Amino acid sequence: MSLTRRDFARNSAITGAGVALAGSVGALATAPNALASYDTDSAEGAADARHGVGYGPLVSDPRGILALPAGFSYKIITYSGRTRLESGEFTPSNHDGTAAFDGPRGTTLLVNNHELKGPRANWTHPVPLTEGLVYDPAASGGCTVVEIRPDGRVAERVGIAGTSTNCAGGRTPWGTWLTCEENSDRAGTNGMTKDHGYVFEVDPVDRRANRDPKPLKFFGRYDHEAVVIDPKRGHAYLTEDAANPNGLFFRWTPPQGFAYGPGRFRRLADDAGVLQAPKCFDSGGKFVDDLSRATRIGTVYGVDWVDVLDRDARTTPVRKQFGAGEVTRARKLEGMWWGDGGAYIVSSYAREESPVQHDGQVWFYDPKRRTLTLKVLLGVNPDPSRDGAFDGPDNITVSPYGGLVIAEDGEGVQHLFGATDSGRTYPIARNELNIGTEEEPEYSEFAGVTFSPDGRTLFASIQTPGILLAVTGPWKRQKRN
């Protein structure tokens, strides 16, 4: 049953939904041009830590890789071109979305995306074409499965190969990884031999389950970014990173009677379930064409869902199948994470192509209320080279210590930063690996932020050249102040 504009307006008047916050993360900024960040090297950062917010200022790394607060340390788990797979090849490059799982015999397993686009010849270290695990032998991307043993030893193997531009993805409630292709090349384009733009399931434990990769076409063919599964209702939510026009996020409803579990997606027909795009409206019942319209933390939109007619985009890209006034769009829809009974959804930035410019939003979709609430708003960063000015949120995770941990993919300096439940921000790490020059320094984005199952280790990657890191230290519950 749809949530009508009249119903939402009435409910907003009764409950104050137009100003209420849903979920657990508050404001990072209160105006479009406000920067919700603190100087990581200032006394203010240390004062925040003394009062229970964050961990204090970041300490530069003599190895030139990762600055962390005092008391924290890191280990390099994989390093493209240096560490090797079980089969002998080098670890692939361009690390991206990641999730951690409990493995057998006390191991921790991570599935690590590698965002490699186009022909294999374009890359020094593509994902190796392991027999039985290849979708398209012309494509360079895929996933690796990293096994960290109790004694600290690390093993790495291919989980899937021959996919393209594996960006983010999502963990399933039954312990598998959904890897998303952020590229929708057709067979015959850029040397590809099969169509791309799909989601694939990777089992971190059962190697046999990954043989003969099957695209989950019922999720649609477009430039996928991330996916989450509602463990209670069974819906999947997916983001699209696209422009001209701006992209969409989607809801997939499974067929009636479908029972989730490892490998069961493979049994579904290509047109199984219903794929839908959102149509949002404000508390006054007015249609919202683009999420960048929201310029105030706590903005709440009601959400209706509109069917996608041709999810495989045989003649027209999915996002172009809708005209003006039919769906709500957003620029640079990126990471997602399920937590607090809903889905956190990132829009990394908006520029001239959008109604209002910003340097990052995080929304919370509440499936019970069928509402989107703006939880994070970062104004346009006037000086990306200045440390402490956060911008360009990308991959995201819900922290076991409260609030969110966000990977930055902005301009200039790159961070991992946290947000408390009340919206205070604090630095966790800074990328110090300069891949540019001394005169024009350049720092790669962070990606694949996720906690170990026991919550003691934060994993994250520096995408270029491709380094998977494990951060440990005196984690603590973040206060709401």
Protein backbone atom coordinates (compact mmCIF):
# COMPACT_ATOMS: atom_id res chain seq x y z
CA MET A 1 0.00 0.00 0.00
CA SER A 2 1.42 3.39 -0.96
CA LEU A 3 1.99 6.16 1.53
CA THR A 4 0.00 9.04 0.07
CA ARG A 5 1.10 12.66 0.29
CA ARG A 6 -2.02 13.43 2.29
CA ASP A 7 -1.25 10.66 4.80
CA PHE A 8 2.31 11.87 5.23
CA ALA A 9 1.29 15.49 5.67
CA ARG A 10 -1.30 14.49 8.29
CA ASN A 11 1.19 12.29 10.15
CA SER A 12 3.81 15.04 10.05
CA ALA A 13 1.40 17.49 11.64
CA ILE A 14 0.57 15.01 14.39
CA THR A 15 4.08 13.74 15.16
CA GLY A 16 6.25 16.66 14.16
CA ALA A 17 7.92 14.52 11.54
CA GLY A 18 9.07 17.60 9.69
CA VAL A 19 11.64 18.30 12.41
CA ALA A 20 12.06 14.98 14.20
CA LEU A 21 15.14 12.82 13.84
CA ALA A 22 14.81 9.13 13.12
CA GLY A 23 17.58 6.62 13.76
CA SER A 24 20.63 7.37 15.85
CA VAL A 25 22.87 9.88 14.09
CA GLY A 26 22.30 13.58 14.39
CA ALA A 27 23.55 16.61 12.54
CA LEU A 28 27.07 17.02 11.26
CA ALA A 29 26.24 20.48 10.03
CA THR A 30 23.31 22.79 10.42
CA ALA A 31 23.55 24.83 7.23
CA PRO A 32 24.62 24.17 3.65
CA ASN A 33 27.88 26.11 4.06
CA ALA A 34 28.75 24.93 7.55
CA LEU A 35 31.62 22.49 7.86
CA ALA A 36 31.04 19.89 10.52
CA SER A 37 34.63 19.20 11.35
CA TYR A 38 37.30 20.04 13.83
CA ASP A 39 40.98 20.80 13.38
CA THR A 40 42.53 17.42 14.06
CA ASP A 41 45.80 18.96 15.24
CA SER A 42 44.28 21.54 17.54
CA ALA A 43 43.78 21.72 21.28
CA GLU A 44 40.04 21.54 20.60
CA GLY A 45 40.45 17.97 19.39
CA ALA A 46 42.18 17.01 22.61
CA ALA A 47 39.48 18.76 24.63
CA ASP A 48 36.80 16.82 22.76
CA ALA A 49 38.53 13.56 23.66
CA ARG A 50 38.74 14.52 27.35
CA HIS A 51 35.00 15.13 27.31
CA GLY A 52 34.28 11.73 25.80
CA VAL A 53 34.02 12.65 22.10
CA GLY A 54 36.52 10.98 19.78
CA TYR A 55 40.08 10.02 20.56
CA GLY A 56 42.05 13.24 20.34
CA PRO A 57 44.26 14.76 17.64
CA LEU A 58 45.93 12.59 15.02
CA VAL A 59 49.63 11.78 15.33
CA SER A 60 51.67 11.76 12.13
CA ASP A 61 53.00 8.38 11.00
CA PRO A 62 56.80 8.14 10.57
CA ARG A 63 56.13 5.48 7.92
CA GLY A 64 54.05 7.98 5.97
CA ILE A 65 50.94 5.83 5.66
CA LEU A 66 48.34 6.38 8.36
CA ALA A 67 48.03 9.05 11.06
CA LEU A 68 46.08 7.84 14.11
CA PRO A 69 45.23 9.11 17.61
CA ALA A 70 47.69 8.35 20.38
CA GLY A 71 47.34 4.78 21.62
CA PHE A 72 46.14 3.42 18.27
CA SER A 73 48.13 1.33 15.82
CA TYR A 74 47.68 -0.31 12.45
CA LYS A 75 48.83 -3.35 10.55
CA ILE A 76 49.03 -3.80 6.81
CA ILE A 77 46.96 -6.85 5.85
CA THR A 78 47.30 -6.76 2.05
CA TYR A 79 49.25 -4.44 -0.25
CA SER A 80 48.76 -4.54 -4.00
CA GLY A 81 51.91 -5.50 -5.85
CA ARG A 82 53.62 -6.65 -2.64
CA THR A 83 51.55 -9.30 -0.89
CA ARG A 84 50.51 -12.41 -2.80
CA LEU A 85 47.48 -14.65 -3.18
CA GLU A 86 47.51 -18.34 -2.35
CA SER A 87 47.91 -18.96 -6.08
CA GLY A 88 51.06 -16.85 -6.25
CA GLU A 89 49.81 -13.74 -8.05
CA PHE A 90 50.09 -10.31 -6.47
CA THR A 91 47.18 -8.85 -4.53
CA PRO A 92 44.98 -6.93 -7.00
CA SER A 93 44.82 -3.14 -6.80
CA ASN A 94 42.08 -0.57 -6.17
CA HIS A 95 40.60 -1.91 -2.94
CA ASP A 96 37.02 -0.84 -2.25
CA GLY A 97 33.93 -2.12 -0.40
CA THR A 98 34.57 -4.71 2.31
CA ALA A 99 32.77 -6.71 4.97
CA ALA A 100 34.11 -8.92 7.78
CA PHE A 101 32.82 -12.34 8.82
CA ASP A 102 33.54 -14.97 11.44
CA GLY A 103 35.41 -17.80 9.77
CA PRO A 104 36.16 -21.37 10.81
CA ARG A 105 38.72 -22.19 13.51
CA GLY A 106 38.80 -18.67 14.95
CA THR A 107 39.63 -16.91 11.69
CA THR A 108 38.28 -13.59 10.46
CA LEU A 109 37.29 -13.46 6.79
CA LEU A 110 37.04 -10.30 4.73
CA VAL A 111 35.61 -9.99 1.24
CA ASN A 112 37.42 -7.14 -0.48
CA ASN A 113 36.17 -5.53 -3.71
CA HIS A 114 38.63 -4.35 -6.34
CA GLU A 115 37.30 -1.41 -8.37
CA LEU A 116 38.99 -2.14 -11.69
CA LYS A 117 37.26 -0.93 -14.86
CA GLY A 118 37.75 -1.89 -18.46
CA PRO A 119 40.10 -4.36 -20.16
CA ARG A 120 42.63 -6.30 -18.14
CA ALA A 121 45.50 -4.78 -20.10
CA ASN A 122 44.73 -1.43 -18.46
CA TRP A 123 45.88 -2.65 -15.05
CA THR A 124 49.15 -3.94 -13.65
CA HIS A 125 47.41 -6.06 -11.04
CA PRO A 126 43.89 -7.11 -12.12
CA VAL A 127 41.99 -9.82 -10.27
CA PRO A 128 43.46 -13.14 -11.49
CA LEU A 129 41.22 -15.29 -13.69
CA THR A 130 40.87 -18.27 -11.35
CA GLU A 131 39.31 -21.30 -13.01
CA GLY A 132 35.61 -21.68 -12.25
CA LEU A 133 35.30 -18.20 -10.67
CA VAL A 134 35.25 -16.08 -13.85
CA TYR A 135 32.20 -14.25 -15.22
CA ASP A 136 33.75 -12.35 -18.15
CA PRO A 137 37.40 -13.14 -18.98
CA ALA A 138 37.82 -9.68 -20.52
CA ALA A 139 36.99 -7.80 -17.30
CA SER A 140 39.59 -6.83 -14.72
CA GLY A 141 37.65 -6.51 -11.46
CA GLY A 142 36.30 -8.86 -8.83
CA CYS A 143 36.71 -9.72 -5.16
CA THR A 144 39.31 -11.40 -3.01
CA VAL A 145 38.67 -13.25 0.24
CA VAL A 146 41.21 -12.43 2.95
CA GLU A 147 41.65 -14.86 5.83
CA ILE A 148 43.26 -13.58 9.04
CA ARG A 149 44.24 -16.46 11.29
CA PRO A 150 44.43 -16.35 15.10
CA ASP A 151 48.25 -16.29 14.98
CA GLY A 152 48.16 -13.23 12.69
CA ARG A 153 49.06 -15.00 9.47
CA VAL A 154 47.14 -13.88 6.38
CA ALA A 155 45.98 -15.81 3.33
CA GLU A 156 44.18 -14.34 0.31
CA ARG A 157 42.33 -15.97 -2.57
CA VAL A 158 40.03 -14.97 -5.40
CA GLY A 159 36.30 -14.96 -4.59
CA ILE A 160 35.06 -13.85 -8.02
CA ALA A 161 36.83 -12.59 -11.15
CA GLY A 162 35.89 -11.16 -14.51
CA THR A 163 33.53 -8.51 -13.17
CA SER A 164 33.87 -4.76 -13.69
CA THR A 165 34.36 -1.83 -11.35
CA ASN A 166 33.43 -3.62 -8.13
CA CYS A 167 32.81 -0.59 -5.97
CA ALA A 168 30.79 -1.07 -2.80
CA GLY A 169 28.33 -3.84 -2.05
CA GLY A 170 26.74 -5.18 1.09
CA ARG A 171 26.75 -7.90 3.66
CA THR A 172 23.73 -10.23 3.86
CA PRO A 173 22.11 -11.41 7.10
CA TRP A 174 23.04 -15.00 6.17
CA GLY A 175 26.76 -14.27 5.98
CA THR A 176 27.57 -13.64 2.32
CA TRP A 177 28.72 -10.59 0.38
CA LEU A 178 26.89 -8.90 -2.49
CA THR A 179 29.41 -7.24 -4.78
CA CYS A 180 28.18 -4.47 -7.07
CA GLU A 181 29.41 -3.51 -10.54
CA GLU A 182 29.58 0.27 -10.93
CA ASN A 183 29.75 -0.09 -14.69
CA SER A 184 27.08 -1.08 -17.17
CA ASP A 185 29.06 -1.79 -20.34
CA ARG A 186 27.31 -4.08 -22.79
CA ALA A 187 29.04 -7.01 -24.44
CA GLY A 188 31.14 -5.62 -27.29
CA THR A 189 31.84 -2.33 -25.48
CA ASN A 190 35.36 -1.65 -24.16
CA GLY A 191 36.34 -5.20 -25.05
CA MET A 192 33.77 -6.84 -22.80
CA THR A 193 32.36 -10.23 -23.82
CA LYS A 194 29.33 -10.14 -21.50
CA ASP A 195 26.90 -7.51 -20.24
CA HIS A 196 27.84 -5.75 -17.00
CA GLY A 197 26.05 -3.63 -14.42
CA TYR A 198 24.95 -6.41 -12.08
CA VAL A 199 25.19 -7.68 -8.52
CA PHE A 200 26.89 -11.00 -7.68
CA GLU A 201 26.89 -13.03 -4.46
CA VAL A 202 30.19 -14.15 -2.92
CA ASP A 203 30.38 -16.70 -0.10
CA PRO A 204 33.44 -16.07 2.09
CA VAL A 205 33.38 -19.57 3.61
CA ASP A 206 32.12 -22.00 0.97
CA ARG A 207 34.46 -21.83 -2.01
CA ARG A 208 32.30 -24.15 -4.08
CA ALA A 209 29.34 -21.79 -3.79
CA ASN A 210 31.23 -19.19 -5.83
CA ARG A 211 31.81 -21.37 -8.87
CA ASP A 212 30.16 -20.36 -12.15
CA PRO A 213 29.26 -16.79 -11.10
CA LYS A 214 25.68 -15.80 -11.86
CA PRO A 215 24.58 -12.18 -12.17
CA LEU A 216 21.55 -11.40 -10.01
CA LYS A 217 19.68 -9.68 -12.81
CA PHE A 218 16.51 -9.16 -10.80
CA PHE A 219 18.34 -6.31 -8.97
CA GLY A 220 18.58 -4.44 -12.28
CA ARG A 221 21.37 -3.45 -14.65
CA TYR A 222 22.85 -0.03 -13.95
CA ASP A 223 25.91 1.50 -12.27
CA HIS A 224 25.47 -0.19 -8.90
CA GLU A 225 27.17 1.15 -5.80
CA ALA A 226 25.92 -0.53 -2.61
CA VAL A 227 23.17 -2.81 -1.32
CA VAL A 228 21.63 -3.70 2.05
CA ILE A 229 19.05 -6.29 3.04
CA ASP A 230 16.24 -5.61 5.49
CA PRO A 231 16.48 -8.70 7.73
CA LYS A 232 12.89 -8.32 8.95
CA ARG A 233 10.92 -7.48 5.80
CA GLY A 234 13.20 -9.01 3.18
CA HIS A 235 13.56 -5.96 0.96
CA ALA A 236 16.86 -5.10 -0.67
CA TYR A 237 17.86 -1.44 -1.04
CA LEU A 238 20.41 -0.43 -3.67
CA THR A 239 22.18 2.77 -4.73
CA GLU A 240 23.17 3.96 -8.20
CA ASP A 241 26.16 6.24 -8.79
CA ALA A 242 25.27 8.07 -11.99
CA ALA A 243 24.67 11.48 -13.56
CA ASN A 244 22.96 13.06 -16.58
CA PRO A 245 20.42 12.64 -15.10
CA ASN A 246 21.26 12.03 -11.45
CA GLY A 247 20.99 8.50 -10.14
CA LEU A 248 18.42 6.70 -8.04
CA PHE A 249 18.20 4.40 -5.09
CA PHE A 250 16.01 1.37 -5.37
CA ARG A 251 13.91 -1.08 -3.39
CA TRP A 252 13.62 -4.70 -4.46
CA THR A 253 10.73 -6.74 -3.07
CA PRO A 254 11.26 -10.53 -3.21
CA PRO A 255 8.67 -12.89 -4.64
CA GLN A 256 5.99 -13.98 -2.21
CA GLY A 257 7.15 -16.93 -0.14
CA PHE A 258 10.84 -16.51 -1.00
CA ALA A 259 13.10 -17.73 1.82
CA TYR A 260 16.53 -16.14 2.08
CA GLY A 261 19.70 -18.14 2.59
CA PRO A 262 23.11 -18.87 1.10
CA GLY A 263 22.88 -19.54 -2.63
CA ARG A 264 19.13 -19.05 -2.89
CA PHE A 265 19.42 -15.91 -5.01
CA ARG A 266 20.91 -18.07 -7.76
CA ARG A 267 17.63 -19.97 -8.08
CA LEU A 268 15.54 -16.90 -8.82
CA ALA A 269 14.46 -15.89 -12.32
CA ASP A 270 15.98 -12.80 -13.89
CA ASP A 271 12.69 -10.93 -13.48
CA ALA A 272 11.90 -12.18 -9.97
CA GLY A 273 10.38 -9.76 -7.50
CA VAL A 274 9.68 -6.09 -8.08
CA LEU A 275 12.28 -3.34 -8.52
CA GLN A 276 11.16 0.18 -7.66
CA ALA A 277 12.53 3.72 -7.49
CA PRO A 278 11.56 6.34 -4.88
CA LYS A 279 9.18 9.23 -5.19
CA CYS A 280 9.56 11.60 -2.24
CA PHE A 281 7.39 14.40 -0.95
CA ASP A 282 7.73 16.84 1.92
CA SER A 283 5.48 17.32 4.92
CA GLY A 284 3.34 19.73 2.93
CA GLY A 285 2.71 17.14 0.24
CA LYS A 286 5.00 18.74 -2.34
CA PHE A 287 6.95 16.46 -4.67
CA VAL A 288 10.75 16.51 -4.16
CA ASP A 289 12.70 16.09 -7.37
CA ASP A 290 16.20 15.79 -5.88
CA LEU A 291 17.52 15.02 -2.39
CA SER A 292 19.88 18.00 -2.56
CA ARG A 293 16.80 20.17 -1.96
CA ALA A 294 17.12 19.37 1.74
CA THR A 295 19.20 22.10 3.39
CA ARG A 296 18.33 21.48 7.02
CA ILE A 297 19.31 18.58 9.25
CA GLY A 298 16.21 16.71 10.37
CA THR A 299 14.37 17.20 7.08
CA VAL A 300 11.99 14.27 6.64
CA TYR A 301 10.50 13.12 3.36
CA GLY A 302 7.78 10.57 2.85
CA VAL A 303 8.62 7.89 0.30
CA ASP A 304 6.43 6.14 -2.26
CA TRP A 305 7.82 3.54 -4.65
CA VAL A 306 7.42 3.49 -8.43
CA ASP A 307 7.88 0.32 -10.49
CA VAL A 308 10.85 0.00 -12.86
CA LEU A 309 9.49 -1.32 -16.15
CA ASP A 310 12.69 -2.54 -17.84
CA ARG A 311 15.15 -3.40 -15.11
CA ASP A 312 17.71 -4.88 -17.54
CA ALA A 313 17.81 -1.59 -19.45
CA ARG A 314 17.62 -3.32 -22.82
CA THR A 315 17.04 -0.08 -24.73
CA THR A 316 17.09 2.73 -22.15
CA PRO A 317 19.13 3.10 -18.92
CA VAL A 318 16.93 2.54 -15.89
CA ARG A 319 17.27 6.09 -14.55
CA LYS A 320 16.27 7.52 -17.96
CA GLN A 321 13.05 5.52 -18.05
CA PHE A 322 11.45 8.08 -15.72
CA GLY A 323 10.37 11.56 -16.70
CA ALA A 324 10.25 14.77 -14.71
CA GLY A 325 8.02 14.51 -11.67
CA GLU A 326 8.01 10.71 -11.56
CA VAL A 327 10.95 9.89 -9.23
CA THR A 328 13.37 11.52 -6.78
CA ARG A 329 17.04 11.59 -7.75
CA ALA A 330 20.37 12.41 -6.11
CA ARG A 331 23.96 12.91 -7.26
CA LYS A 332 26.69 10.45 -6.36
CA LEU A 333 24.66 7.92 -4.37
CA GLU A 334 27.34 5.81 -2.74
CA GLY A 335 27.73 3.70 0.41
CA MET A 336 24.95 2.11 2.45
CA TRP A 337 24.82 0.23 5.75
CA TRP A 338 21.97 -1.40 7.62
CA GLY A 339 21.61 -0.42 11.27
CA ASP A 340 19.16 0.96 13.82
CA GLY A 341 16.31 -0.73 11.95
CA GLY A 342 16.91 1.02 8.67
CA ALA A 343 19.32 1.90 5.89
CA TYR A 344 21.91 4.67 6.00
CA ILE A 345 22.39 6.07 2.48
CA VAL A 346 25.20 8.36 1.32
CA SER A 347 25.10 11.09 -1.32
CA SER A 348 28.76 12.11 -1.62
CA TYR A 349 28.27 15.55 -3.11
CA ALA A 350 26.16 17.71 -5.42
CA ARG A 351 27.38 20.33 -7.87
CA GLU A 352 25.93 22.34 -10.76
CA GLU A 353 23.96 19.34 -12.02
CA SER A 354 21.83 19.43 -8.85
CA PRO A 355 19.40 22.02 -7.49
CA VAL A 356 21.55 22.72 -4.40
CA GLN A 357 25.29 22.13 -3.95
CA HIS A 358 26.77 20.32 -0.95
CA ASP A 359 29.79 18.20 -0.03
CA GLY A 360 27.94 15.27 1.45
CA GLN A 361 24.68 13.97 2.85
CA VAL A 362 23.79 10.87 4.83
CA TRP A 363 20.12 9.87 4.88
CA PHE A 364 18.33 7.32 7.04
CA TYR A 365 15.52 5.33 5.47
CA ASP A 366 13.02 4.00 8.01
CA PRO A 367 11.08 1.15 6.35
CA LYS A 368 8.43 1.09 9.06
CA ARG A 369 7.58 4.78 8.68
CA ARG A 370 8.53 4.87 4.98
CA THR A 371 10.49 8.06 5.53
CA LEU A 372 13.90 9.47 4.65
CA THR A 373 15.54 11.66 7.29
CA LEU A 374 18.58 13.82 6.61
CA LYS A 375 21.15 12.95 9.26
CA VAL A 376 24.39 14.41 7.86
CA LEU A 377 24.89 17.54 5.80
CA LEU A 378 28.33 18.85 4.81
CA GLY A 379 28.53 22.22 3.12
CA VAL A 380 30.81 22.86 0.16
CA ASN A 381 34.37 22.71 1.47
CA PRO A 382 36.13 26.00 0.61
CA ASP A 383 39.64 24.58 1.18
CA PRO A 384 39.99 20.81 0.68
CA SER A 385 43.75 21.01 1.25
CA ARG A 386 43.21 22.06 4.87
CA ASP A 387 43.31 19.21 7.34
CA GLY A 388 40.17 18.73 9.38
CA ALA A 389 37.61 19.86 6.83
CA PHE A 390 35.66 16.71 6.06
CA ASP A 391 33.94 16.30 2.69
CA GLY A 392 32.87 13.64 0.22
CA PRO A 393 31.54 10.79 2.42
CA ASP A 394 31.58 7.46 0.61
CA ASN A 395 31.72 4.04 2.26
CA ILE A 396 30.03 3.98 5.65
CA THR A 397 29.49 1.64 8.57
CA VAL A 398 27.54 1.70 11.82
CA SER A 399 29.97 1.59 14.73
CA PRO A 400 29.54 -0.86 17.64
CA TYR A 401 30.62 2.08 19.82
CA GLY A 402 27.76 4.31 18.68
CA GLY A 403 27.19 6.51 15.65
CA LEU A 404 28.85 6.11 12.28
CA VAL A 405 32.32 5.70 10.84
CA ILE A 406 32.68 7.28 7.41
CA ALA A 407 35.33 6.91 4.71
CA GLU A 408 36.19 10.14 2.95
CA ASP A 409 36.45 10.34 -0.84
CA GLY A 410 36.68 14.07 -1.28
CA GLU A 411 39.25 16.55 -2.47
CA GLY A 412 42.61 17.12 -0.81
CA VAL A 413 43.26 15.49 2.56
CA GLN A 414 41.45 12.17 3.14
CA HIS A 415 40.18 10.89 6.48
CA LEU A 416 38.27 8.25 8.29
CA PHE A 417 35.99 10.16 10.62
CA GLY A 418 33.29 9.35 13.11
CA ALA A 419 30.00 10.91 14.08
CA THR A 420 28.44 10.45 17.50
CA ASP A 421 24.75 9.77 17.97
CA SER A 422 24.19 13.48 18.57
CA GLY A 423 26.23 14.52 15.55
CA ARG A 424 29.64 15.52 16.93
CA THR A 425 32.42 14.63 14.51
CA TYR A 426 35.90 13.43 15.29
CA PRO A 427 38.89 12.19 13.28
CA ILE A 428 39.94 8.55 13.36
CA ALA A 429 42.64 8.41 10.69
CA ARG A 430 44.32 10.47 7.98
CA ASN A 431 45.88 9.11 4.81
CA GLU A 432 49.54 10.24 4.70
CA LEU A 433 50.60 8.23 1.64
CA ASN A 434 51.31 10.89 -0.99
CA ILE A 435 50.81 9.42 -4.47
CA GLY A 436 51.37 12.80 -6.10
CA THR A 437 54.43 15.03 -5.90
CA GLU A 438 55.90 17.22 -3.19
CA GLU A 439 54.75 20.30 -5.09
CA GLU A 440 51.28 18.87 -5.80
CA PRO A 441 50.48 16.22 -3.18
CA GLU A 442 47.66 13.78 -3.81
CA TYR A 443 46.01 11.39 -1.38
CA SER A 444 43.79 8.49 -2.36
CA GLU A 445 40.34 7.94 -0.96
CA PHE A 446 39.57 5.64 1.95
CA ALA A 447 37.23 2.73 1.25
CA GLY A 448 35.92 -0.52 2.68
CA VAL A 449 35.40 0.67 6.24
CA THR A 450 34.05 -2.13 8.45
CA PHE A 451 34.53 -3.52 11.96
CA SER A 452 35.56 -7.06 12.80
CA PRO A 453 32.75 -9.25 14.16
CA ASP A 454 34.04 -8.78 17.72
CA GLY A 455 34.25 -4.99 17.28
CA ARG A 456 37.92 -4.78 18.28
CA THR A 457 39.39 -4.01 14.86
CA LEU A 458 38.44 -1.41 12.29
CA PHE A 459 39.35 -2.46 8.76
CA ALA A 460 39.71 0.12 5.99
CA SER A 461 41.57 0.47 2.72
CA ILE A 462 43.55 3.15 0.96
CA GLN A 463 42.25 2.58 -2.55
CA THR A 464 45.37 3.56 -4.46
CA PRO A 465 47.69 1.71 -4.64
CA GLY A 466 45.49 -0.75 -2.73
CA ILE A 467 46.29 -1.27 0.95
CA LEU A 468 44.03 -3.10 3.41
CA LEU A 469 44.66 -1.93 6.98
CA ALA A 470 43.61 -3.17 10.42
CA VAL A 471 43.33 -0.46 13.10
CA THR A 472 43.24 -1.31 16.79
CA GLY A 473 43.32 0.78 19.93
CA PRO A 474 41.35 1.96 22.97
CA TRP A 475 37.92 2.03 21.33
CA LYS A 476 35.21 3.42 23.61
CA ARG A 477 31.55 4.20 23.59
CA GLN A 478 31.00 7.67 22.15
CA LYS A 479 28.85 9.93 24.25
CA ARG A 480 25.90 11.75 22.71
CA ASN A 481 27.08 15.23 23.78
